[in-house]
């Protein structure tokens, strides 16, 4: 178990020698945050909100994600702990089971949408017929899953190639959309084509695109950074700059062509081959990152090897994708934003106010597989999480302020308030 626990340090604290340069973590996050469902969501929401409205929610939502990722990633870099290990301290030695389970379940759900979109696009591009849809879901599962089974080193190698390639293809797609339709000057004043999504709901959906990743996958990736500053810069470059530009590229392609599907937009431009290559690279990079992060959570939860858990996650995602669930995308985004964003506030508040800037004796984790809390359940953490999630849900429903940020703030303040009335309780054994 100790040897398996050290495969990407799924069950132990990350040693100093495993840290990586800033460029690798930035490249990995960019390749992770550029994904087909992001482009598809941008196309759909830009039709609901118009180009100006979508520009505003994409940059505001990306700023929220950058803050979320920087906060949780900073804590992980300082401690070397994955989210699965941190959650044992935050929620208790038995209480960590639920948040640890939600992370891989959420990521596997994301993979299902990405596999479904890629398979559907392939069927349409090559006129294969619907009978090929399910086999393609499993073929892509095998192609995309290798990096996750191999580990972070392989993911980083793929990201160094994939990040610039995706950027080039996206820019070319935008240029093609504008030159072939001649609609660039008409994009900015574009009014909404449909009016069924409010500003608050659109913002919640944008944050929901990467709420789970920014909140709880950030620790898994940014703990590899060499300094706290690098962890913050990774979030700024990936979510503050690259992510909103990625979303706007999708919006431009959709509005310029008048299509509500990114695949249909490329087909309209006569660039189906380009669209296939772009969506393939996007799916490849995000899916193997999701499998990797999900496998860390499952390894911590079930005490099995991380490669085995990555294989299980890939199989489950392919089975779900085979049901063709793309019609529920907006509801899924809202659910992810509601559940995941408050966790970032929880992580930061617990680290600074309850743990007093350090998980006591965390260095011993480099030679031990056991990390526990004195208490079996941290009910204060559950209350803070529930209050944060409820805040996101209610403020999103009634369009009050910025729902995801509201939830982060409420969870943070609640956890800080609980910490003020009791001493630090977490230890490592």
Foldseek 3Di string as FASTA:
>chain_A
DVVLCVQLNLQFFDDLVLADELVLLLLLLQLQLQAQVLLLLLLQVCLQAALQLSLVLLLVLLVLLLVLLLLLLLLLQVQRHALLQLLQQLWFVQGSQVVLVVLLVLLLQVLLLLLLVLLVLVCVVVVVDPVCSLVSLLVLLVVQQPQLLNGDVSLSVLSVVLNVVLVVLLVVLLVLLCVVLVCPVVRNPTGRNHHPADSQLSSLLSNLSCLSCSNRVSSSRSNSHNHSVSSSVSSCSNRNPSNSVSSSSSNSLSVSQVHSHSCVSCVSSVNNVSVSVSNSSSSSSNSNSSLNSSLSSVCSNVVDRSSVSSVVSSVVSSVSSSVPDNVCSSVSSNVSLLQRLLSSLSSNLCCCQAVVVYAPPSVCSVVDSWWGWPGRGDVLLVVLSVQLSVQLVVCSVVVNDHSSVSSNVSSNVSSNVVSVVDHHTTHTD
